mmCIF file of all heavy atoms, coordinates in Angstrom:
data_MODEL
# 
_entry.id   MODEL 
# 
loop_
_atom_site.group_PDB 
_atom_site.id 
_atom_site.type_symbol 
_atom_site.label_atom_id 
_atom_site.label_alt_id 
_atom_site.label_comp_id 
_atom_site.label_asym_id 
_atom_site.label_entity_id 
_atom_site.label_seq_id 
_atom_site.pdbx_PDB_ins_code 
_atom_site.Cartn_x 
_atom_site.Cartn_y 
_atom_site.Cartn_z 
_atom_site.occupancy 
_atom_site.B_iso_or_equiv 
_atom_site.pdbx_formal_charge 
_atom_site.auth_seq_id 
_atom_site.auth_comp_id 
_atom_site.auth_asym_id 
_atom_site.auth_atom_id 
_atom_site.pdbx_PDB_model_num 
ATOM 1   N N   . LEU A 1 1  ? 44.554 -3.910 0.013   1.00 0.00 ? 1  LEU A N   1 
ATOM 2   C CA  . LEU A 1 1  ? 45.255 -3.945 -1.258  1.00 0.00 ? 1  LEU A CA  1 
ATOM 3   C C   . LEU A 1 1  ? 46.662 -3.258 -1.106  1.00 0.00 ? 1  LEU A C   1 
ATOM 4   O O   . LEU A 1 1  ? 46.863 -2.356 -0.344  1.00 0.00 ? 1  LEU A O   1 
ATOM 5   C CB  . LEU A 1 1  ? 44.464 -3.169 -2.354  1.00 0.00 ? 1  LEU A CB  1 
ATOM 6   C CG  . LEU A 1 1  ? 43.095 -3.738 -2.626  1.00 0.00 ? 1  LEU A CG  1 
ATOM 7   C CD1 . LEU A 1 1  ? 42.393 -2.898 -3.678  1.00 0.00 ? 1  LEU A CD1 1 
ATOM 8   C CD2 . LEU A 1 1  ? 43.081 -5.195 -3.037  1.00 0.00 ? 1  LEU A CD2 1 
ATOM 9   N N   . SER A 1 2  ? 47.614 -3.673 -1.955  1.00 0.00 ? 2  SER A N   1 
ATOM 10  C CA  . SER A 1 2  ? 48.891 -2.994 -2.073  1.00 0.00 ? 2  SER A CA  1 
ATOM 11  C C   . SER A 1 2  ? 48.709 -1.673 -2.921  1.00 0.00 ? 2  SER A C   1 
ATOM 12  O O   . SER A 1 2  ? 47.680 -1.484 -3.513  1.00 0.00 ? 2  SER A O   1 
ATOM 13  C CB  . SER A 1 2  ? 49.891 -3.850 -2.765  1.00 0.00 ? 2  SER A CB  1 
ATOM 14  O OG  . SER A 1 2  ? 49.561 -4.044 -4.177  1.00 0.00 ? 2  SER A OG  1 
ATOM 15  N N   . GLY A 1 3  ? 49.747 -0.920 -2.870  1.00 0.00 ? 3  GLY A N   1 
ATOM 16  C CA  . GLY A 1 3  ? 49.688 0.368  -3.607  1.00 0.00 ? 3  GLY A CA  1 
ATOM 17  C C   . GLY A 1 3  ? 49.469 0.209  -5.108  1.00 0.00 ? 3  GLY A C   1 
ATOM 18  O O   . GLY A 1 3  ? 48.695 0.895  -5.762  1.00 0.00 ? 3  GLY A O   1 
ATOM 19  N N   . GLY A 1 4  ? 50.141 -0.883 -5.648  1.00 0.00 ? 4  GLY A N   1 
ATOM 20  C CA  . GLY A 1 4  ? 49.986 -1.148 -7.093  1.00 0.00 ? 4  GLY A CA  1 
ATOM 21  C C   . GLY A 1 4  ? 48.576 -1.630 -7.411  1.00 0.00 ? 4  GLY A C   1 
ATOM 22  O O   . GLY A 1 4  ? 47.958 -1.272 -8.461  1.00 0.00 ? 4  GLY A O   1 
ATOM 23  N N   . GLN A 1 5  ? 47.939 -2.406 -6.485  1.00 0.00 ? 5  GLN A N   1 
ATOM 24  C CA  . GLN A 1 5  ? 46.595 -2.883 -6.749  1.00 0.00 ? 5  GLN A CA  1 
ATOM 25  C C   . GLN A 1 5  ? 45.641 -1.724 -6.630  1.00 0.00 ? 5  GLN A C   1 
ATOM 26  O O   . GLN A 1 5  ? 44.651 -1.680 -7.313  1.00 0.00 ? 5  GLN A O   1 
ATOM 27  C CB  . GLN A 1 5  ? 46.297 -3.968 -5.688  1.00 0.00 ? 5  GLN A CB  1 
ATOM 28  C CG  . GLN A 1 5  ? 47.030 -5.319 -5.961  1.00 0.00 ? 5  GLN A CG  1 
ATOM 29  C CD  . GLN A 1 5  ? 46.969 -6.239 -4.788  1.00 0.00 ? 5  GLN A CD  1 
ATOM 30  O OE1 . GLN A 1 5  ? 46.655 -5.842 -3.639  1.00 0.00 ? 5  GLN A OE1 1 
ATOM 31  N NE2 . GLN A 1 5  ? 47.377 -7.468 -5.020  1.00 0.00 ? 5  GLN A NE2 1 
ATOM 32  N N   . ARG A 1 6  ? 45.828 -0.871 -5.694  1.00 0.00 ? 6  ARG A N   1 
ATOM 33  C CA  . ARG A 1 6  ? 44.926 0.347  -5.592  1.00 0.00 ? 6  ARG A CA  1 
ATOM 34  C C   . ARG A 1 6  ? 44.979 1.173  -6.843  1.00 0.00 ? 6  ARG A C   1 
ATOM 35  O O   . ARG A 1 6  ? 43.942 1.770  -7.268  1.00 0.00 ? 6  ARG A O   1 
ATOM 36  C CB  . ARG A 1 6  ? 45.307 1.133  -4.381  1.00 0.00 ? 6  ARG A CB  1 
ATOM 37  C CG  . ARG A 1 6  ? 45.086 0.502  -3.048  1.00 0.00 ? 6  ARG A CG  1 
ATOM 38  C CD  . ARG A 1 6  ? 45.519 1.339  -1.866  1.00 0.00 ? 6  ARG A CD  1 
ATOM 39  N NE  . ARG A 1 6  ? 45.618 0.684  -0.661  1.00 0.00 ? 6  ARG A NE  1 
ATOM 40  C CZ  . ARG A 1 6  ? 45.994 1.099  0.522   1.00 0.00 ? 6  ARG A CZ  1 
ATOM 41  N NH1 . ARG A 1 6  ? 46.429 2.387  0.577   1.00 0.00 ? 6  ARG A NH1 1 
ATOM 42  N NH2 . ARG A 1 6  ? 46.074 0.353  1.553   1.00 0.00 ? 6  ARG A NH2 1 
ATOM 43  N N   . GLN A 1 7  ? 46.168 1.339  -7.372  1.00 0.00 ? 7  GLN A N   1 
ATOM 44  C CA  . GLN A 1 7  ? 46.259 2.154  -8.578  1.00 0.00 ? 7  GLN A CA  1 
ATOM 45  C C   . GLN A 1 7  ? 45.519 1.441  -9.761  1.00 0.00 ? 7  GLN A C   1 
ATOM 46  O O   . GLN A 1 7  ? 44.951 2.127  -10.567 1.00 0.00 ? 7  GLN A O   1 
ATOM 47  C CB  . GLN A 1 7  ? 47.749 2.386  -8.920  1.00 0.00 ? 7  GLN A CB  1 
ATOM 48  C CG  . GLN A 1 7  ? 48.033 3.398  -10.048 1.00 0.00 ? 7  GLN A CG  1 
ATOM 49  C CD  . GLN A 1 7  ? 47.362 4.713  -9.684  1.00 0.00 ? 7  GLN A CD  1 
ATOM 50  O OE1 . GLN A 1 7  ? 46.189 5.019  -9.992  1.00 0.00 ? 7  GLN A OE1 1 
ATOM 51  N NE2 . GLN A 1 7  ? 48.077 5.582  -9.043  1.00 0.00 ? 7  GLN A NE2 1 
ATOM 52  N N   . ARG A 1 8  ? 45.595 0.130  -9.855  1.00 0.00 ? 8  ARG A N   1 
ATOM 53  C CA  . ARG A 1 8  ? 44.814 -0.551 -10.826 1.00 0.00 ? 8  ARG A CA  1 
ATOM 54  C C   . ARG A 1 8  ? 43.345 -0.423 -10.591 1.00 0.00 ? 8  ARG A C   1 
ATOM 55  O O   . ARG A 1 8  ? 42.616 -0.364 -11.641 1.00 0.00 ? 8  ARG A O   1 
ATOM 56  C CB  . ARG A 1 8  ? 45.255 -2.049 -10.863 1.00 0.00 ? 8  ARG A CB  1 
ATOM 57  C CG  . ARG A 1 8  ? 46.522 -2.275 -11.724 1.00 0.00 ? 8  ARG A CG  1 
ATOM 58  C CD  . ARG A 1 8  ? 47.383 -3.472 -11.199 1.00 0.00 ? 8  ARG A CD  1 
ATOM 59  N NE  . ARG A 1 8  ? 46.644 -4.728 -11.106 1.00 0.00 ? 8  ARG A NE  1 
ATOM 60  C CZ  . ARG A 1 8  ? 47.100 -5.703 -10.380 1.00 0.00 ? 8  ARG A CZ  1 
ATOM 61  N NH1 . ARG A 1 8  ? 48.226 -5.619 -9.740  1.00 0.00 ? 8  ARG A NH1 1 
ATOM 62  N NH2 . ARG A 1 8  ? 46.423 -6.888 -10.383 1.00 0.00 ? 8  ARG A NH2 1 
ATOM 63  N N   . VAL A 1 9  ? 42.842 -0.324 -9.430  1.00 0.00 ? 9  VAL A N   1 
ATOM 64  C CA  . VAL A 1 9  ? 41.476 -0.084 -9.221  1.00 0.00 ? 9  VAL A CA  1 
ATOM 65  C C   . VAL A 1 9  ? 41.041 1.273  -9.648  1.00 0.00 ? 9  VAL A C   1 
ATOM 66  O O   . VAL A 1 9  ? 40.068 1.456  -10.294 1.00 0.00 ? 9  VAL A O   1 
ATOM 67  C CB  . VAL A 1 9  ? 41.127 -0.277 -7.608  1.00 0.00 ? 9  VAL A CB  1 
ATOM 68  C CG1 . VAL A 1 9  ? 39.687 0.147  -7.380  1.00 0.00 ? 9  VAL A CG1 1 
ATOM 69  C CG2 . VAL A 1 9  ? 41.428 -1.638 -7.141  1.00 0.00 ? 9  VAL A CG2 1 
ATOM 70  N N   . ALA A 1 10 ? 41.943 2.238  -9.418  1.00 0.00 ? 10 ALA A N   1 
ATOM 71  C CA  . ALA A 1 10 ? 41.709 3.642  -9.895  1.00 0.00 ? 10 ALA A CA  1 
ATOM 72  C C   . ALA A 1 10 ? 41.627 3.597  -11.412 1.00 0.00 ? 10 ALA A C   1 
ATOM 73  O O   . ALA A 1 10 ? 40.787 4.292  -12.043 1.00 0.00 ? 10 ALA A O   1 
ATOM 74  C CB  . ALA A 1 10 ? 42.707 4.603  -9.377  1.00 0.00 ? 10 ALA A CB  1 
ATOM 75  N N   . MET A 1 11 ? 42.512 2.864  -12.070 1.00 0.00 ? 11 MET A N   1 
ATOM 76  C CA  . MET A 1 11 ? 42.432 2.705  -13.503 1.00 0.00 ? 11 MET A CA  1 
ATOM 77  C C   . MET A 1 11 ? 41.105 2.036  -13.986 1.00 0.00 ? 11 MET A C   1 
ATOM 78  O O   . MET A 1 11 ? 40.512 2.460  -14.899 1.00 0.00 ? 11 MET A O   1 
ATOM 79  C CB  . MET A 1 11 ? 43.639 1.848  -13.999 1.00 0.00 ? 11 MET A CB  1 
ATOM 80  C CG  . MET A 1 11 ? 44.959 2.548  -13.921 1.00 0.00 ? 11 MET A CG  1 
ATOM 81  S SD  . MET A 1 11 ? 45.145 3.723  -15.162 1.00 0.00 ? 11 MET A SD  1 
ATOM 82  C CE  . MET A 1 11 ? 45.003 2.723  -16.648 1.00 0.00 ? 11 MET A CE  1 
ATOM 83  N N   . GLY A 1 12 ? 40.721 0.990  -13.228 1.00 0.00 ? 12 GLY A N   1 
ATOM 84  C CA  . GLY A 1 12 ? 39.447 0.299  -13.554 1.00 0.00 ? 12 GLY A CA  1 
ATOM 85  C C   . GLY A 1 12 ? 38.301 1.228  -13.434 1.00 0.00 ? 12 GLY A C   1 
ATOM 86  O O   . GLY A 1 12 ? 37.370 1.192  -14.318 1.00 0.00 ? 12 GLY A O   1 
ATOM 87  N N   . ARG A 1 13 ? 38.294 2.111  -12.393 1.00 0.00 ? 13 ARG A N   1 
ATOM 88  C CA  . ARG A 1 13 ? 37.188 3.073  -12.281 1.00 0.00 ? 13 ARG A CA  1 
ATOM 89  C C   . ARG A 1 13 ? 37.105 3.981  -13.531 1.00 0.00 ? 13 ARG A C   1 
ATOM 90  O O   . ARG A 1 13 ? 35.974 4.323  -13.956 1.00 0.00 ? 13 ARG A O   1 
ATOM 91  C CB  . ARG A 1 13 ? 37.421 3.857  -11.064 1.00 0.00 ? 13 ARG A CB  1 
ATOM 92  C CG  . ARG A 1 13 ? 36.293 4.849  -10.727 1.00 0.00 ? 13 ARG A CG  1 
ATOM 93  C CD  . ARG A 1 13 ? 36.560 5.579  -9.434  1.00 0.00 ? 13 ARG A CD  1 
ATOM 94  N NE  . ARG A 1 13 ? 37.942 6.147  -9.385  1.00 0.00 ? 13 ARG A NE  1 
ATOM 95  C CZ  . ARG A 1 13 ? 38.492 6.540  -8.272  1.00 0.00 ? 13 ARG A CZ  1 
ATOM 96  N NH1 . ARG A 1 13 ? 37.947 6.443  -7.064  1.00 0.00 ? 13 ARG A NH1 1 
ATOM 97  N NH2 . ARG A 1 13 ? 39.706 7.158  -8.407  1.00 0.00 ? 13 ARG A NH2 1 
ATOM 98  N N   . ALA A 1 14 ? 38.264 4.397  -14.085 1.00 0.00 ? 14 ALA A N   1 
ATOM 99  C CA  . ALA A 1 14 ? 38.229 5.067  -15.263 1.00 0.00 ? 14 ALA A CA  1 
ATOM 100 C C   . ALA A 1 14 ? 37.739 4.313  -16.547 1.00 0.00 ? 14 ALA A C   1 
ATOM 101 O O   . ALA A 1 14 ? 37.010 4.830  -17.326 1.00 0.00 ? 14 ALA A O   1 
ATOM 102 C CB  . ALA A 1 14 ? 39.580 5.680  -15.486 1.00 0.00 ? 14 ALA A CB  1 
ATOM 103 N N   . ILE A 1 15 ? 38.211 3.106  -16.637 1.00 0.00 ? 15 ILE A N   1 
ATOM 104 C CA  . ILE A 1 15 ? 37.955 2.296  -17.824 1.00 0.00 ? 15 ILE A CA  1 
ATOM 105 C C   . ILE A 1 15 ? 36.454 2.014  -17.892 1.00 0.00 ? 15 ILE A C   1 
ATOM 106 O O   . ILE A 1 15 ? 35.893 2.108  -19.029 1.00 0.00 ? 15 ILE A O   1 
ATOM 107 C CB  . ILE A 1 15 ? 38.691 0.911  -17.710 1.00 0.00 ? 15 ILE A CB  1 
ATOM 108 C CG1 . ILE A 1 15 ? 40.178 1.193  -17.939 1.00 0.00 ? 15 ILE A CG1 1 
ATOM 109 C CG2 . ILE A 1 15 ? 38.196 -0.030 -18.725 1.00 0.00 ? 15 ILE A CG2 1 
ATOM 110 C CD1 . ILE A 1 15 ? 41.080 -0.021 -17.631 1.00 0.00 ? 15 ILE A CD1 1 
ATOM 111 N N   . VAL A 1 16 ? 35.710 1.712  -16.758 1.00 0.00 ? 16 VAL A N   1 
ATOM 112 C CA  . VAL A 1 16 ? 34.332 1.284  -16.820 1.00 0.00 ? 16 VAL A CA  1 
ATOM 113 C C   . VAL A 1 16 ? 33.457 2.441  -17.390 1.00 0.00 ? 16 VAL A C   1 
ATOM 114 O O   . VAL A 1 16 ? 32.423 2.167  -17.944 1.00 0.00 ? 16 VAL A O   1 
ATOM 115 C CB  . VAL A 1 16 ? 33.784 0.836  -15.497 1.00 0.00 ? 16 VAL A CB  1 
ATOM 116 C CG1 . VAL A 1 16 ? 34.555 -0.420 -14.992 1.00 0.00 ? 16 VAL A CG1 1 
ATOM 117 C CG2 . VAL A 1 16 ? 33.861 1.951  -14.479 1.00 0.00 ? 16 VAL A CG2 1 
ATOM 118 N N   . ARG A 1 17 ? 33.967 3.679  -17.275 1.00 0.00 ? 17 ARG A N   1 
ATOM 119 C CA  . ARG A 1 17 ? 33.123 4.805  -17.744 1.00 0.00 ? 17 ARG A CA  1 
ATOM 120 C C   . ARG A 1 17 ? 33.187 4.931  -19.264 1.00 0.00 ? 17 ARG A C   1 
ATOM 121 O O   . ARG A 1 17 ? 32.320 5.637  -19.824 1.00 0.00 ? 17 ARG A O   1 
ATOM 122 C CB  . ARG A 1 17 ? 33.623 6.125  -17.115 1.00 0.00 ? 17 ARG A CB  1 
ATOM 123 C CG  . ARG A 1 17 ? 33.366 6.174  -15.573 1.00 0.00 ? 17 ARG A CG  1 
ATOM 124 C CD  . ARG A 1 17 ? 33.881 7.405  -14.979 1.00 0.00 ? 17 ARG A CD  1 
ATOM 125 N NE  . ARG A 1 17 ? 33.300 8.605  -15.627 1.00 0.00 ? 17 ARG A NE  1 
ATOM 126 C CZ  . ARG A 1 17 ? 33.605 9.803  -15.535 1.00 0.00 ? 17 ARG A CZ  1 
ATOM 127 N NH1 . ARG A 1 17 ? 34.684 10.061 -14.742 1.00 0.00 ? 17 ARG A NH1 1 
ATOM 128 N NH2 . ARG A 1 17 ? 33.059 10.854 -16.145 1.00 0.00 ? 17 ARG A NH2 1 
ATOM 129 N N   . GLN A 1 18 ? 34.130 4.238  -19.894 1.00 0.00 ? 18 GLN A N   1 
ATOM 130 C CA  . GLN A 1 18 ? 34.308 4.311  -21.351 1.00 0.00 ? 18 GLN A CA  1 
ATOM 131 C C   . GLN A 1 18 ? 34.301 5.758  -21.890 1.00 0.00 ? 18 GLN A C   1 
ATOM 132 O O   . GLN A 1 18 ? 33.498 6.100  -22.756 1.00 0.00 ? 18 GLN A O   1 
ATOM 133 C CB  . GLN A 1 18 ? 33.202 3.474  -22.029 1.00 0.00 ? 18 GLN A CB  1 
ATOM 134 C CG  . GLN A 1 18 ? 33.202 2.025  -21.625 1.00 0.00 ? 18 GLN A CG  1 
ATOM 135 C CD  . GLN A 1 18 ? 32.042 1.254  -22.219 1.00 0.00 ? 18 GLN A CD  1 
ATOM 136 O OE1 . GLN A 1 18 ? 31.200 1.782  -22.877 1.00 0.00 ? 18 GLN A OE1 1 
ATOM 137 N NE2 . GLN A 1 18 ? 32.078 -0.106 -22.099 1.00 0.00 ? 18 GLN A NE2 1 
ATOM 138 N N   . PRO A 1 19 ? 35.215 6.621  -21.390 1.00 0.00 ? 19 PRO A N   1 
ATOM 139 C CA  . PRO A 1 19 ? 35.272 7.942  -21.741 1.00 0.00 ? 19 PRO A CA  1 
ATOM 140 C C   . PRO A 1 19 ? 35.938 8.123  -23.025 1.00 0.00 ? 19 PRO A C   1 
ATOM 141 O O   . PRO A 1 19 ? 36.567 7.287  -23.611 1.00 0.00 ? 19 PRO A O   1 
ATOM 142 C CB  . PRO A 1 19 ? 36.155 8.558  -20.580 1.00 0.00 ? 19 PRO A CB  1 
ATOM 143 C CG  . PRO A 1 19 ? 37.116 7.451  -20.329 1.00 0.00 ? 19 PRO A CG  1 
ATOM 144 C CD  . PRO A 1 19 ? 36.313 6.160  -20.450 1.00 0.00 ? 19 PRO A CD  1 
ATOM 145 N N   . LYS A 1 20 ? 35.872 9.369  -23.526 1.00 0.00 ? 20 LYS A N   1 
ATOM 146 C CA  . LYS A 1 20 ? 36.555 9.773  -24.768 1.00 0.00 ? 20 LYS A CA  1 
ATOM 147 C C   . LYS A 1 20 ? 38.045 9.952  -24.526 1.00 0.00 ? 20 LYS A C   1 
ATOM 148 O O   . LYS A 1 20 ? 38.859 9.742  -25.427 1.00 0.00 ? 20 LYS A O   1 
ATOM 149 C CB  . LYS A 1 20 ? 35.943 10.976 -25.381 1.00 0.00 ? 20 LYS A CB  1 
ATOM 150 C CG  . LYS A 1 20 ? 34.551 10.738 -26.031 1.00 0.00 ? 20 LYS A CG  1 
ATOM 151 C CD  . LYS A 1 20 ? 34.030 12.070 -26.663 1.00 0.00 ? 20 LYS A CD  1 
ATOM 152 C CE  . LYS A 1 20 ? 32.644 11.776 -27.303 1.00 0.00 ? 20 LYS A CE  1 
ATOM 153 N NZ  . LYS A 1 20 ? 32.080 12.983 -27.955 1.00 0.00 ? 20 LYS A NZ  1 
ATOM 154 N N   . VAL A 1 21 ? 38.305 10.476 -23.303 1.00 0.00 ? 21 VAL A N   1 
ATOM 155 C CA  . VAL A 1 21 ? 39.784 10.814 -22.984 1.00 0.00 ? 21 VAL A CA  1 
ATOM 156 C C   . VAL A 1 21 ? 40.093 10.305 -21.572 1.00 0.00 ? 21 VAL A C   1 
ATOM 157 O O   . VAL A 1 21 ? 39.293 10.536 -20.647 1.00 0.00 ? 21 VAL A O   1 
ATOM 158 C CB  . VAL A 1 21 ? 39.990 12.328 -23.109 1.00 0.00 ? 21 VAL A CB  1 
ATOM 159 C CG1 . VAL A 1 21 ? 41.467 12.672 -22.806 1.00 0.00 ? 21 VAL A CG1 1 
ATOM 160 C CG2 . VAL A 1 21 ? 39.663 12.817 -24.488 1.00 0.00 ? 21 VAL A CG2 1 
ATOM 161 N N   . PHE A 1 22 ? 41.273 9.686  -21.440 1.00 0.00 ? 22 PHE A N   1 
ATOM 162 C CA  . PHE A 1 22 ? 41.814 9.427  -20.099 1.00 0.00 ? 22 PHE A CA  1 
ATOM 163 C C   . PHE A 1 22 ? 42.725 10.535 -19.743 1.00 0.00 ? 22 PHE A C   1 
ATOM 164 O O   . PHE A 1 22 ? 43.639 10.988 -20.564 1.00 0.00 ? 22 PHE A O   1 
ATOM 165 C CB  . PHE A 1 22 ? 42.622 8.119  -20.032 1.00 0.00 ? 22 PHE A CB  1 
ATOM 166 C CG  . PHE A 1 22 ? 41.776 6.882  -20.084 1.00 0.00 ? 22 PHE A CG  1 
ATOM 167 C CD1 . PHE A 1 22 ? 42.218 5.722  -20.781 1.00 0.00 ? 22 PHE A CD1 1 
ATOM 168 C CD2 . PHE A 1 22 ? 40.583 6.776  -19.454 1.00 0.00 ? 22 PHE A CD2 1 
ATOM 169 C CE1 . PHE A 1 22 ? 41.448 4.572  -20.853 1.00 0.00 ? 22 PHE A CE1 1 
ATOM 170 C CE2 . PHE A 1 22 ? 39.878 5.620  -19.464 1.00 0.00 ? 22 PHE A CE2 1 
ATOM 171 C CZ  . PHE A 1 22 ? 40.234 4.507  -20.193 1.00 0.00 ? 22 PHE A CZ  1 
ATOM 172 N N   . LEU A 1 23 ? 42.668 11.039 -18.475 1.00 0.00 ? 23 LEU A N   1 
ATOM 173 C CA  . LEU A 1 23 ? 43.643 11.987 -17.886 1.00 0.00 ? 23 LEU A CA  1 
ATOM 174 C C   . LEU A 1 23 ? 44.299 11.388 -16.730 1.00 0.00 ? 23 LEU A C   1 
ATOM 175 O O   . LEU A 1 23 ? 43.610 10.910 -15.823 1.00 0.00 ? 23 LEU A O   1 
ATOM 176 C CB  . LEU A 1 23 ? 42.952 13.330 -17.485 1.00 0.00 ? 23 LEU A CB  1 
ATOM 177 C CG  . LEU A 1 23 ? 42.037 13.909 -18.613 1.00 0.00 ? 23 LEU A CG  1 
ATOM 178 C CD1 . LEU A 1 23 ? 41.441 15.266 -18.060 1.00 0.00 ? 23 LEU A CD1 1 
ATOM 179 C CD2 . LEU A 1 23 ? 42.853 14.234 -19.887 1.00 0.00 ? 23 LEU A CD2 1 
ATOM 180 N N   . MET A 1 24 ? 45.651 11.403 -16.762 1.00 0.00 ? 24 MET A N   1 
ATOM 181 C CA  . MET A 1 24 ? 46.392 10.790 -15.644 1.00 0.00 ? 24 MET A CA  1 
ATOM 182 C C   . MET A 1 24 ? 47.391 11.742 -15.043 1.00 0.00 ? 24 MET A C   1 
ATOM 183 O O   . MET A 1 24 ? 48.305 12.242 -15.784 1.00 0.00 ? 24 MET A O   1 
ATOM 184 C CB  . MET A 1 24 ? 47.107 9.494  -16.048 1.00 0.00 ? 24 MET A CB  1 
ATOM 185 C CG  . MET A 1 24 ? 46.180 8.458  -16.750 1.00 0.00 ? 24 MET A CG  1 
ATOM 186 S SD  . MET A 1 24 ? 46.951 6.868  -17.169 1.00 0.00 ? 24 MET A SD  1 
ATOM 187 C CE  . MET A 1 24 ? 45.629 6.037  -17.987 1.00 0.00 ? 24 MET A CE  1 
ATOM 188 N N   . ASP A 1 25 ? 47.232 12.017 -13.746 1.00 0.00 ? 25 ASP A N   1 
ATOM 189 C CA  . ASP A 1 25 ? 48.125 13.014 -13.163 1.00 0.00 ? 25 ASP A CA  1 
ATOM 190 C C   . ASP A 1 25 ? 49.105 12.357 -12.155 1.00 0.00 ? 25 ASP A C   1 
ATOM 191 O O   . ASP A 1 25 ? 48.805 12.037 -11.060 1.00 0.00 ? 25 ASP A O   1 
ATOM 192 C CB  . ASP A 1 25 ? 47.260 14.053 -12.340 1.00 0.00 ? 25 ASP A CB  1 
ATOM 193 C CG  . ASP A 1 25 ? 48.047 15.301 -11.919 1.00 0.00 ? 25 ASP A CG  1 
ATOM 194 O OD1 . ASP A 1 25 ? 49.307 15.389 -12.209 1.00 0.00 ? 25 ASP A OD1 1 
ATOM 195 O OD2 . ASP A 1 25 ? 47.551 16.192 -11.205 1.00 0.00 ? 25 ASP A OD2 1 
ATOM 196 N N   . GLU A 1 26 ? 50.331 12.088 -12.760 1.00 0.00 ? 26 GLU A N   1 
ATOM 197 C CA  . GLU A 1 26 ? 51.356 11.403 -11.927 1.00 0.00 ? 26 GLU A CA  1 
ATOM 198 C C   . GLU A 1 26 ? 50.832 10.239 -11.146 1.00 0.00 ? 26 GLU A C   1 
ATOM 199 O O   . GLU A 1 26 ? 51.020 10.117 -9.950  1.00 0.00 ? 26 GLU A O   1 
ATOM 200 C CB  . GLU A 1 26 ? 52.009 12.429 -11.006 1.00 0.00 ? 26 GLU A CB  1 
ATOM 201 C CG  . GLU A 1 26 ? 52.652 13.640 -11.724 1.00 0.00 ? 26 GLU A CG  1 
ATOM 202 C CD  . GLU A 1 26 ? 53.744 14.305 -10.977 1.00 0.00 ? 26 GLU A CD  1 
ATOM 203 O OE1 . GLU A 1 26 ? 54.658 13.568 -10.481 1.00 0.00 ? 26 GLU A OE1 1 
ATOM 204 O OE2 . GLU A 1 26 ? 53.844 15.554 -11.057 1.00 0.00 ? 26 GLU A OE2 1 
ATOM 205 N N   . PRO A 1 27 ? 50.276 9.214  -11.812 1.00 0.00 ? 27 PRO A N   1 
ATOM 206 C CA  . PRO A 1 27 ? 49.623 8.116  -11.118 1.00 0.00 ? 27 PRO A CA  1 
ATOM 207 C C   . PRO A 1 27 ? 50.576 7.164  -10.472 1.00 0.00 ? 27 PRO A C   1 
ATOM 208 O O   . PRO A 1 27 ? 50.077 6.385  -9.652  1.00 0.00 ? 27 PRO A O   1 
ATOM 209 C CB  . PRO A 1 27 ? 48.769 7.445  -12.227 1.00 0.00 ? 27 PRO A CB  1 
ATOM 210 C CG  . PRO A 1 27 ? 49.560 7.774  -13.467 1.00 0.00 ? 27 PRO A CG  1 
ATOM 211 C CD  . PRO A 1 27 ? 50.087 9.138  -13.291 1.00 0.00 ? 27 PRO A CD  1 
ATOM 212 N N   . LEU A 1 28 ? 51.849 7.183  -10.817 1.00 0.00 ? 28 LEU A N   1 
ATOM 213 C CA  . LEU A 1 28 ? 52.770 6.242  -10.259 1.00 0.00 ? 28 LEU A CA  1 
ATOM 214 C C   . LEU A 1 28 ? 53.670 6.866  -9.177  1.00 0.00 ? 28 LEU A C   1 
ATOM 215 O O   . LEU A 1 28 ? 54.562 6.070  -8.667  1.00 0.00 ? 28 LEU A O   1 
ATOM 216 C CB  . LEU A 1 28 ? 53.657 5.696  -11.380 1.00 0.00 ? 28 LEU A CB  1 
ATOM 217 C CG  . LEU A 1 28 ? 52.904 5.142  -12.672 1.00 0.00 ? 28 LEU A CG  1 
ATOM 218 C CD1 . LEU A 1 28 ? 53.924 4.522  -13.615 1.00 0.00 ? 28 LEU A CD1 1 
ATOM 219 C CD2 . LEU A 1 28 ? 51.904 4.109  -12.248 1.00 0.00 ? 28 LEU A CD2 1 
# 
């Protein structure tokens, strides 16, 4: 995967958990 695709996978991993809060530490 490209860097952008990997970052979207990391986002997907957070989304599937359906958390109350997303925390993002300089993801870009």
